[in-house]
């Protein structure tokens, strides 16, 4: 499953929300040395109850707009867990 995300680093909380169009992800980490990307993967894995190795950032490593591949889940499972 490939998802487009809008990421907000240094927000003071770690949270995911789906507003019908976009999945928004708020992260505590600053976008330095890959810390926000690491937290993004951890947050998605925890929220979806899957191993971190099933999540891969494929585009947007240094951008707020990211594309991630998630293995082993369907859109229904993602939607249910957000």
N, C-alpha and C. Protein backbone atom coordinates (compact mmCIF):
# COMPACT_ATOMS: atom_id res chain seq x y z
N UNK A 1 0.85 -1.17 0.00
CA UNK A 1 0.00 0.00 0.00
C UNK A 1 0.90 1.23 0.00
N UNK A 2 0.69 2.13 -0.92
CA UNK A 2 1.47 3.37 -1.01
C UNK A 2 0.61 4.53 -0.53
N UNK A 3 1.14 5.31 0.41
CA UNK A 3 0.41 6.43 0.98
C UNK A 3 1.17 7.73 0.82
N UNK A 4 0.42 8.80 0.62
CA UNK A 4 0.99 10.15 0.65
C UNK A 4 0.65 10.76 2.00
N UNK A 5 1.65 11.37 2.62
CA UNK A 5 1.47 11.94 3.95
C UNK A 5 1.90 13.39 3.97
N UNK A 6 1.28 14.14 4.84
CA UNK A 6 1.71 15.50 5.14
C UNK A 6 2.25 15.48 6.57
N UNK A 7 3.53 15.81 6.72
CA UNK A 7 4.20 15.68 8.01
C UNK A 7 4.49 17.06 8.60
N UNK A 8 4.18 17.21 9.90
CA UNK A 8 4.45 18.45 10.62
C UNK A 8 5.42 18.12 11.76
N UNK A 9 6.72 18.39 11.56
CA UNK A 9 7.70 18.10 12.61
C UNK A 9 7.70 19.17 13.69
N UNK A 10 8.35 18.88 14.81
CA UNK A 10 8.48 19.79 15.95
C UNK A 10 7.13 20.34 16.43
N UNK A 11 6.15 19.46 16.51
CA UNK A 11 4.80 19.91 16.86
C UNK A 11 4.47 19.72 18.33
N UNK A 12 5.32 19.03 19.09
CA UNK A 12 5.03 18.81 20.50
C UNK A 12 4.17 17.59 20.78
N UNK A 13 3.77 16.87 19.74
CA UNK A 13 2.96 15.65 19.91
C UNK A 13 3.21 14.71 18.75
N UNK A 14 2.91 13.46 18.95
CA UNK A 14 2.96 12.47 17.87
C UNK A 14 1.54 11.99 17.65
N UNK A 15 1.01 12.30 16.47
CA UNK A 15 -0.39 11.99 16.20
C UNK A 15 -0.63 11.86 14.71
N UNK A 16 -1.60 11.03 14.33
CA UNK A 16 -2.01 10.86 12.94
C UNK A 16 -3.49 11.15 12.82
N UNK A 17 -3.87 11.82 11.73
CA UNK A 17 -5.29 12.06 11.46
C UNK A 17 -5.54 11.98 9.97
N UNK A 18 -6.68 11.43 9.62
CA UNK A 18 -7.11 11.36 8.23
C UNK A 18 -8.34 12.23 8.09
N UNK A 19 -8.28 13.24 7.24
CA UNK A 19 -9.40 14.17 7.10
C UNK A 19 -10.27 13.89 5.88
N UNK A 20 -10.15 12.70 5.33
CA UNK A 20 -10.92 12.35 4.15
C UNK A 20 -10.13 12.50 2.85
N UNK A 21 -9.10 13.36 2.89
CA UNK A 21 -8.27 13.58 1.71
C UNK A 21 -6.80 13.28 1.99
N UNK A 22 -6.33 13.75 3.13
CA UNK A 22 -4.91 13.70 3.45
C UNK A 22 -4.68 13.05 4.80
N UNK A 23 -3.61 12.27 4.90
CA UNK A 23 -3.18 11.77 6.19
C UNK A 23 -2.15 12.75 6.71
N UNK A 24 -2.46 13.38 7.83
CA UNK A 24 -1.55 14.34 8.45
C UNK A 24 -0.89 13.68 9.65
N UNK A 25 0.40 13.91 9.78
CA UNK A 25 1.18 13.30 10.85
C UNK A 25 1.94 14.41 11.59
N UNK A 26 1.65 14.56 12.87
CA UNK A 26 2.37 15.50 13.72
C UNK A 26 3.44 14.71 14.46
N UNK A 27 4.66 15.25 14.48
CA UNK A 27 5.78 14.57 15.12
C UNK A 27 6.47 15.50 16.11
N UNK A 28 6.94 14.94 17.22
CA UNK A 28 7.69 15.72 18.21
C UNK A 28 9.09 16.05 17.72
N UNK A 29 9.68 15.16 16.97
CA UNK A 29 11.08 15.30 16.55
C UNK A 29 11.28 16.44 15.55
N UNK A 30 12.48 17.01 15.62
CA UNK A 30 12.90 18.01 14.64
C UNK A 30 13.38 17.29 13.38
N UNK A 31 13.29 17.94 12.24
CA UNK A 31 13.75 17.30 11.00
C UNK A 31 15.27 17.41 10.83
N UNK A 32 15.99 16.88 11.79
CA UNK A 32 17.45 16.91 11.78
C UNK A 32 18.00 15.49 11.86
N UNK A 33 18.97 15.21 11.03
CA UNK A 33 19.65 13.91 11.05
C UNK A 33 18.70 12.73 10.93
N UNK A 34 17.59 12.90 10.25
CA UNK A 34 16.64 11.81 10.04
C UNK A 34 15.77 11.46 11.24
N UNK A 35 15.83 12.29 12.30
CA UNK A 35 15.06 11.98 13.51
C UNK A 35 13.55 11.98 13.25
N UNK A 36 13.06 12.94 12.48
CA UNK A 36 11.63 13.00 12.19
C UNK A 36 11.21 11.80 11.33
N UNK A 37 12.04 11.41 10.37
CA UNK A 37 11.73 10.24 9.55
C UNK A 37 11.68 8.97 10.40
N UNK A 38 12.62 8.83 11.32
CA UNK A 38 12.60 7.67 12.22
C UNK A 38 11.35 7.65 13.08
N UNK A 39 10.98 8.83 13.61
CA UNK A 39 9.77 8.89 14.43
C UNK A 39 8.52 8.61 13.59
N UNK A 40 8.51 9.06 12.34
CA UNK A 40 7.39 8.79 11.45
C UNK A 40 7.20 7.28 11.29
N UNK A 41 8.27 6.57 11.02
CA UNK A 41 8.18 5.11 10.84
C UNK A 41 7.71 4.45 12.13
N UNK A 42 8.27 4.86 13.28
CA UNK A 42 7.86 4.30 14.57
C UNK A 42 6.38 4.57 14.84
N UNK A 43 5.94 5.79 14.58
CA UNK A 43 4.55 6.17 14.84
C UNK A 43 3.59 5.38 13.97
N UNK A 44 3.90 5.26 12.69
CA UNK A 44 3.04 4.48 11.80
C UNK A 44 3.01 3.01 12.21
N UNK A 45 4.15 2.45 12.54
CA UNK A 45 4.21 1.04 12.95
C UNK A 45 3.39 0.80 14.22
N UNK A 46 3.52 1.70 15.20
CA UNK A 46 2.75 1.56 16.43
C UNK A 46 1.25 1.68 16.16
N UNK A 47 0.87 2.68 15.39
CA UNK A 47 -0.55 2.92 15.12
C UNK A 47 -1.19 1.77 14.33
N UNK A 48 -0.42 1.19 13.41
CA UNK A 48 -0.95 0.11 12.57
C UNK A 48 -0.65 -1.28 13.11
N UNK A 49 0.08 -1.35 14.22
CA UNK A 49 0.44 -2.63 14.86
C UNK A 49 1.17 -3.56 13.89
N UNK A 50 2.17 -3.00 13.22
CA UNK A 50 2.99 -3.79 12.31
C UNK A 50 4.46 -3.51 12.63
N UNK A 51 5.36 -4.38 12.20
CA UNK A 51 6.79 -4.13 12.41
C UNK A 51 7.28 -2.93 11.60
N UNK A 52 8.26 -2.22 12.14
CA UNK A 52 8.83 -1.06 11.45
C UNK A 52 9.41 -1.43 10.09
N UNK A 53 9.91 -2.65 9.97
CA UNK A 53 10.54 -3.06 8.71
C UNK A 53 9.53 -3.14 7.56
N UNK A 54 8.22 -3.10 7.85
CA UNK A 54 7.20 -3.12 6.83
C UNK A 54 6.91 -1.73 6.25
N UNK A 55 7.57 -0.71 6.78
CA UNK A 55 7.32 0.67 6.36
C UNK A 55 8.60 1.23 5.76
N UNK A 56 8.45 1.85 4.58
CA UNK A 56 9.62 2.41 3.90
C UNK A 56 9.23 3.75 3.28
N UNK A 57 10.02 4.77 3.58
CA UNK A 57 9.81 6.07 2.95
C UNK A 57 10.42 5.99 1.56
N UNK A 58 9.62 6.26 0.53
CA UNK A 58 10.11 6.14 -0.84
C UNK A 58 10.34 7.50 -1.50
N UNK A 59 9.73 8.54 -0.96
CA UNK A 59 9.91 9.87 -1.53
C UNK A 59 9.69 10.91 -0.45
N UNK A 60 10.48 11.99 -0.50
CA UNK A 60 10.28 13.10 0.43
C UNK A 60 11.10 13.01 1.69
N UNK A 61 12.29 12.46 1.61
CA UNK A 61 13.13 12.28 2.81
C UNK A 61 13.37 13.60 3.53
N UNK A 62 13.49 14.70 2.78
CA UNK A 62 13.76 15.99 3.41
C UNK A 62 12.61 16.97 3.16
N UNK A 63 11.42 16.44 2.94
CA UNK A 63 10.25 17.26 2.66
C UNK A 63 9.14 16.96 3.65
N UNK A 64 8.21 17.89 3.77
CA UNK A 64 7.04 17.65 4.62
C UNK A 64 6.02 16.75 3.91
N UNK A 65 6.09 16.69 2.61
CA UNK A 65 5.24 15.80 1.81
C UNK A 65 6.02 14.52 1.56
N UNK A 66 5.51 13.41 2.06
CA UNK A 66 6.23 12.15 1.95
C UNK A 66 5.34 11.08 1.32
N UNK A 67 5.98 10.13 0.70
CA UNK A 67 5.30 8.95 0.17
C UNK A 67 5.94 7.75 0.85
N UNK A 68 5.09 6.90 1.43
CA UNK A 68 5.59 5.71 2.11
C UNK A 68 4.92 4.47 1.55
N UNK A 69 5.67 3.37 1.54
CA UNK A 69 5.12 2.06 1.21
C UNK A 69 4.93 1.31 2.52
N UNK A 70 3.77 0.69 2.66
CA UNK A 70 3.47 -0.09 3.86
C UNK A 70 3.05 -1.48 3.40
N UNK A 71 3.77 -2.48 3.85
CA UNK A 71 3.49 -3.86 3.48
C UNK A 71 2.55 -4.51 4.50
N UNK A 72 1.76 -5.43 4.04
CA UNK A 72 0.98 -6.27 4.94
C UNK A 72 -0.29 -5.68 5.49
N UNK A 73 -0.74 -4.53 4.97
CA UNK A 73 -2.01 -3.95 5.43
C UNK A 73 -2.82 -3.48 4.23
N UNK A 74 -4.12 -3.45 4.42
CA UNK A 74 -5.03 -2.94 3.40
C UNK A 74 -5.46 -1.52 3.78
N UNK A 75 -6.07 -0.84 2.81
CA UNK A 75 -6.56 0.51 3.08
C UNK A 75 -7.60 0.49 4.21
N UNK A 76 -8.46 -0.53 4.24
CA UNK A 76 -9.47 -0.63 5.31
C UNK A 76 -8.82 -0.71 6.69
N UNK A 77 -7.74 -1.48 6.80
CA UNK A 77 -7.02 -1.59 8.07
C UNK A 77 -6.38 -0.26 8.47
N UNK A 78 -5.82 0.42 7.50
CA UNK A 78 -5.21 1.72 7.78
C UNK A 78 -6.28 2.71 8.24
N UNK A 79 -7.36 2.78 7.49
CA UNK A 79 -8.45 3.71 7.82
C UNK A 79 -9.03 3.43 9.20
N UNK A 80 -9.16 2.16 9.54
CA UNK A 80 -9.71 1.77 10.85
C UNK A 80 -8.79 2.20 12.01
N UNK A 81 -7.49 2.17 11.77
CA UNK A 81 -6.53 2.47 12.84
C UNK A 81 -6.19 3.95 12.96
N UNK A 82 -6.65 4.77 12.04
CA UNK A 82 -6.32 6.20 12.12
C UNK A 82 -7.37 6.97 12.87
